[in-house]
Amino acid sequence: MPASEECFWTGPMYRWFRYGRPYRENDKPTTVYLWGTMEWRDGEGRRHRDDGKPAVIHPLGGEEHYLHGLRVNVYTPGKSV
């Protein structure tokens, strides 16, 4: 039977792990800060999210895109940068 997700309160954030590595099922964020910022990370702990989705979402609408820890720019037609 696989281990379930574990949630830890570490300072100003909640972090989820499985087998000691960042993990969360169903495309949920692995880190949620008290002020509302959400982060998605790969199994190595690097910011990461596929399919053009942001790996960091800020509560006032800012987004950051990463692939395995490398920040990338994403072009969205009709959206000013």
N, C-alpha and C. Protein backbone atom coordinates (compact mmCIF):
# COMPACT_ATOMS: atom_id res chain seq x y z
N MET A 1 0.85 -1.18 0.00
CA MET A 1 0.00 0.00 0.00
C MET A 1 0.89 1.24 0.00
N PRO A 2 0.70 2.16 -0.94
CA PRO A 2 1.54 3.36 -1.01
C PRO A 2 1.31 4.27 0.19
N ALA A 3 2.38 4.97 0.57
CA ALA A 3 2.28 5.94 1.66
C ALA A 3 1.40 7.10 1.23
N SER A 4 0.65 7.63 2.18
CA SER A 4 -0.19 8.78 1.86
C SER A 4 0.62 10.06 1.97
N GLU A 5 0.03 11.14 1.50
CA GLU A 5 0.66 12.45 1.59
C GLU A 5 0.76 12.85 3.06
N GLU A 6 1.82 13.56 3.40
CA GLU A 6 1.98 14.10 4.75
C GLU A 6 2.06 15.60 4.64
N CYS A 7 1.32 16.30 5.48
CA CYS A 7 1.33 17.75 5.47
C CYS A 7 2.05 18.24 6.72
N PHE A 8 2.97 19.19 6.53
CA PHE A 8 3.72 19.75 7.64
C PHE A 8 3.56 21.26 7.67
N TRP A 9 3.42 21.78 8.88
CA TRP A 9 3.41 23.23 9.08
C TRP A 9 4.85 23.61 9.36
N THR A 10 5.49 24.38 8.46
CA THR A 10 6.88 24.78 8.65
C THR A 10 6.96 26.30 8.53
N GLY A 11 6.87 26.97 9.66
CA GLY A 11 6.93 28.43 9.65
C GLY A 11 5.71 29.02 8.98
N PRO A 12 5.91 29.89 7.98
CA PRO A 12 4.76 30.57 7.37
C PRO A 12 4.13 29.79 6.22
N MET A 13 4.26 28.45 6.20
CA MET A 13 3.73 27.69 5.06
C MET A 13 3.31 26.29 5.47
N TYR A 14 2.46 25.70 4.64
CA TYR A 14 2.14 24.28 4.70
C TYR A 14 2.86 23.62 3.54
N ARG A 15 3.48 22.45 3.80
CA ARG A 15 4.18 21.71 2.74
C ARG A 15 3.74 20.26 2.79
N TRP A 16 3.55 19.66 1.60
CA TRP A 16 3.13 18.28 1.49
C TRP A 16 4.27 17.43 0.95
N PHE A 17 4.41 16.21 1.52
CA PHE A 17 5.48 15.30 1.13
C PHE A 17 4.95 13.87 1.03
N ARG A 18 5.67 13.07 0.27
CA ARG A 18 5.50 11.61 0.25
C ARG A 18 6.91 11.04 0.14
N TYR A 19 7.23 10.11 1.01
CA TYR A 19 8.57 9.51 1.07
C TYR A 19 9.65 10.58 1.22
N GLY A 20 9.37 11.65 1.96
CA GLY A 20 10.35 12.69 2.22
C GLY A 20 10.60 13.65 1.06
N ARG A 21 9.81 13.54 -0.01
CA ARG A 21 9.97 14.43 -1.17
C ARG A 21 8.68 15.21 -1.39
N PRO A 22 8.80 16.44 -1.95
CA PRO A 22 7.58 17.22 -2.22
C PRO A 22 6.63 16.41 -3.10
N TYR A 23 5.36 16.35 -2.70
CA TYR A 23 4.39 15.56 -3.46
C TYR A 23 2.98 16.00 -3.10
N ARG A 24 2.14 16.05 -4.11
CA ARG A 24 0.71 16.30 -3.90
C ARG A 24 -0.04 15.75 -5.09
N GLU A 25 -1.12 15.03 -4.84
CA GLU A 25 -1.90 14.42 -5.92
C GLU A 25 -2.88 15.42 -6.53
N ASN A 26 -3.37 15.07 -7.71
CA ASN A 26 -4.44 15.81 -8.40
C ASN A 26 -4.08 17.26 -8.71
N ASP A 27 -2.82 17.50 -9.06
CA ASP A 27 -2.35 18.83 -9.48
C ASP A 27 -2.62 19.91 -8.43
N LYS A 28 -2.49 19.55 -7.17
CA LYS A 28 -2.62 20.52 -6.08
C LYS A 28 -1.23 21.04 -5.73
N PRO A 29 -1.12 22.25 -5.18
CA PRO A 29 0.20 22.80 -4.85
C PRO A 29 0.88 22.02 -3.73
N THR A 30 2.23 21.94 -3.78
CA THR A 30 2.99 21.27 -2.73
C THR A 30 3.31 22.22 -1.59
N THR A 31 3.23 23.53 -1.82
CA THR A 31 3.50 24.52 -0.78
C THR A 31 2.44 25.61 -0.86
N VAL A 32 1.87 25.95 0.29
CA VAL A 32 0.91 27.05 0.37
C VAL A 32 1.36 27.96 1.52
N TYR A 33 1.64 29.22 1.19
CA TYR A 33 2.08 30.20 2.18
C TYR A 33 0.87 30.88 2.82
N LEU A 34 1.05 31.38 4.04
CA LEU A 34 -0.04 32.05 4.76
C LEU A 34 -0.63 33.21 3.97
N TRP A 35 0.19 33.93 3.22
CA TRP A 35 -0.28 35.10 2.47
C TRP A 35 -0.94 34.73 1.16
N GLY A 36 -1.04 33.41 0.86
CA GLY A 36 -1.80 32.96 -0.30
C GLY A 36 -1.01 32.47 -1.48
N THR A 37 0.30 32.67 -1.51
CA THR A 37 1.11 32.19 -2.62
C THR A 37 1.10 30.66 -2.62
N MET A 38 0.94 30.07 -3.82
CA MET A 38 0.95 28.62 -3.98
C MET A 38 2.08 28.23 -4.92
N GLU A 39 2.79 27.13 -4.58
CA GLU A 39 3.90 26.63 -5.40
C GLU A 39 3.70 25.15 -5.71
N TRP A 40 4.10 24.77 -6.90
CA TRP A 40 4.13 23.36 -7.31
C TRP A 40 5.59 22.99 -7.50
N ARG A 41 6.00 21.83 -7.01
CA ARG A 41 7.39 21.39 -7.12
C ARG A 41 7.45 19.96 -7.63
N ASP A 42 8.57 19.63 -8.29
CA ASP A 42 8.77 18.25 -8.74
C ASP A 42 9.32 17.42 -7.58
N GLY A 43 9.58 16.15 -7.81
CA GLY A 43 10.06 15.24 -6.77
C GLY A 43 11.42 15.57 -6.23
N GLU A 44 12.16 16.43 -6.93
CA GLU A 44 13.48 16.85 -6.48
C GLU A 44 13.41 18.17 -5.70
N GLY A 45 12.22 18.72 -5.53
CA GLY A 45 12.05 19.95 -4.78
C GLY A 45 12.17 21.22 -5.61
N ARG A 46 12.33 21.07 -6.93
CA ARG A 46 12.46 22.25 -7.81
C ARG A 46 11.07 22.72 -8.24
N ARG A 47 10.91 24.03 -8.40
CA ARG A 47 9.63 24.55 -8.89
C ARG A 47 9.39 23.96 -10.28
N HIS A 48 8.16 23.44 -10.49
CA HIS A 48 7.87 22.77 -11.77
C HIS A 48 6.37 22.60 -11.93
N ARG A 49 5.92 22.82 -13.17
CA ARG A 49 4.54 22.50 -13.56
C ARG A 49 4.48 22.39 -15.07
N ASP A 50 3.79 21.37 -15.55
CA ASP A 50 3.68 21.09 -16.99
C ASP A 50 2.51 21.81 -17.63
N ASP A 51 2.41 21.65 -18.94
CA ASP A 51 1.26 22.08 -19.74
C ASP A 51 1.01 23.59 -19.71
N GLY A 52 2.07 24.38 -19.54
CA GLY A 52 1.94 25.83 -19.57
C GLY A 52 1.28 26.43 -18.34
N LYS A 53 1.06 25.62 -17.32
CA LYS A 53 0.46 26.12 -16.09
C LYS A 53 1.56 26.75 -15.22
N PRO A 54 1.23 27.77 -14.44
CA PRO A 54 2.25 28.41 -13.60
C PRO A 54 2.64 27.52 -12.42
N ALA A 55 3.93 27.54 -12.07
CA ALA A 55 4.42 26.79 -10.92
C ALA A 55 4.31 27.61 -9.64
N VAL A 56 4.12 28.92 -9.78
CA VAL A 56 3.91 29.81 -8.63
C VAL A 56 2.75 30.74 -8.99
N ILE A 57 1.78 30.81 -8.09
CA ILE A 57 0.66 31.74 -8.26
C ILE A 57 0.60 32.63 -7.02
N HIS A 58 0.66 33.93 -7.26
CA HIS A 58 0.59 34.91 -6.18
C HIS A 58 -0.85 35.36 -5.98
N PRO A 59 -1.23 35.73 -4.75
CA PRO A 59 -2.63 36.05 -4.47
C PRO A 59 -3.17 37.27 -5.22
N LEU A 60 -2.31 38.17 -5.66
CA LEU A 60 -2.79 39.34 -6.40
C LEU A 60 -2.78 39.12 -7.91
N GLY A 61 -2.55 37.86 -8.34
CA GLY A 61 -2.67 37.53 -9.75
C GLY A 61 -1.37 37.27 -10.48
N GLY A 62 -0.22 37.52 -9.88
CA GLY A 62 1.05 37.25 -10.56
C GLY A 62 1.30 35.76 -10.70
N GLU A 63 1.97 35.37 -11.78
CA GLU A 63 2.28 33.97 -12.04
C GLU A 63 3.74 33.83 -12.46
N GLU A 64 4.35 32.72 -12.10
CA GLU A 64 5.71 32.39 -12.52
C GLU A 64 5.69 30.96 -13.07
N HIS A 65 6.33 30.78 -14.21
CA HIS A 65 6.36 29.47 -14.86
C HIS A 65 7.76 28.87 -14.74
N TYR A 66 7.82 27.60 -14.34
CA TYR A 66 9.09 26.89 -14.20
C TYR A 66 8.95 25.48 -14.77
N LEU A 67 10.04 24.97 -15.32
CA LEU A 67 10.15 23.57 -15.72
C LEU A 67 11.39 23.01 -15.05
N HIS A 68 11.19 22.12 -14.10
CA HIS A 68 12.28 21.49 -13.34
C HIS A 68 13.28 22.50 -12.81
N GLY A 69 12.78 23.59 -12.23
CA GLY A 69 13.61 24.59 -11.59
C GLY A 69 14.08 25.73 -12.47
N LEU A 70 13.87 25.64 -13.77
CA LEU A 70 14.29 26.71 -14.68
C LEU A 70 13.09 27.58 -15.02
N ARG A 71 13.25 28.89 -14.80
CA ARG A 71 12.14 29.80 -15.09
C ARG A 71 12.01 29.98 -16.59
N VAL A 72 10.78 29.91 -17.07
CA VAL A 72 10.50 30.05 -18.50
C VAL A 72 9.45 31.13 -18.69
N ASN A 73 9.47 31.74 -19.86
CA ASN A 73 8.45 32.72 -20.23
C ASN A 73 7.40 32.01 -21.05
N VAL A 74 6.17 32.32 -20.77
CA VAL A 74 5.06 31.69 -21.49
C VAL A 74 4.29 32.79 -22.20
N TYR A 75 4.13 32.65 -23.52
CA TYR A 75 3.39 33.62 -24.31
C TYR A 75 1.92 33.22 -24.33
N THR A 76 1.07 34.15 -23.94
CA THR A 76 -0.36 33.93 -24.00
C THR A 76 -0.96 34.97 -24.94
N PRO A 77 -1.50 34.54 -26.08
CA PRO A 77 -2.08 35.50 -27.02
C PRO A 77 -3.16 36.35 -26.35
N GLY A 78 -3.10 37.66 -26.60
CA GLY A 78 -4.11 38.57 -26.07
C GLY A 78 -3.83 39.05 -24.66
N LYS A 79 -2.76 38.55 -24.04
CA LYS A 79 -2.44 38.96 -22.67
C LYS A 79 -1.18 39.82 -22.71
N SER A 80 -1.26 41.02 -22.15
CA SER A 80 -0.08 41.90 -22.15
C SER A 80 0.92 41.42 -21.11
N VAL A 81 2.19 41.66 -21.39
CA VAL A 81 3.25 41.19 -20.48
C VAL A 81 3.76 42.34 -19.67
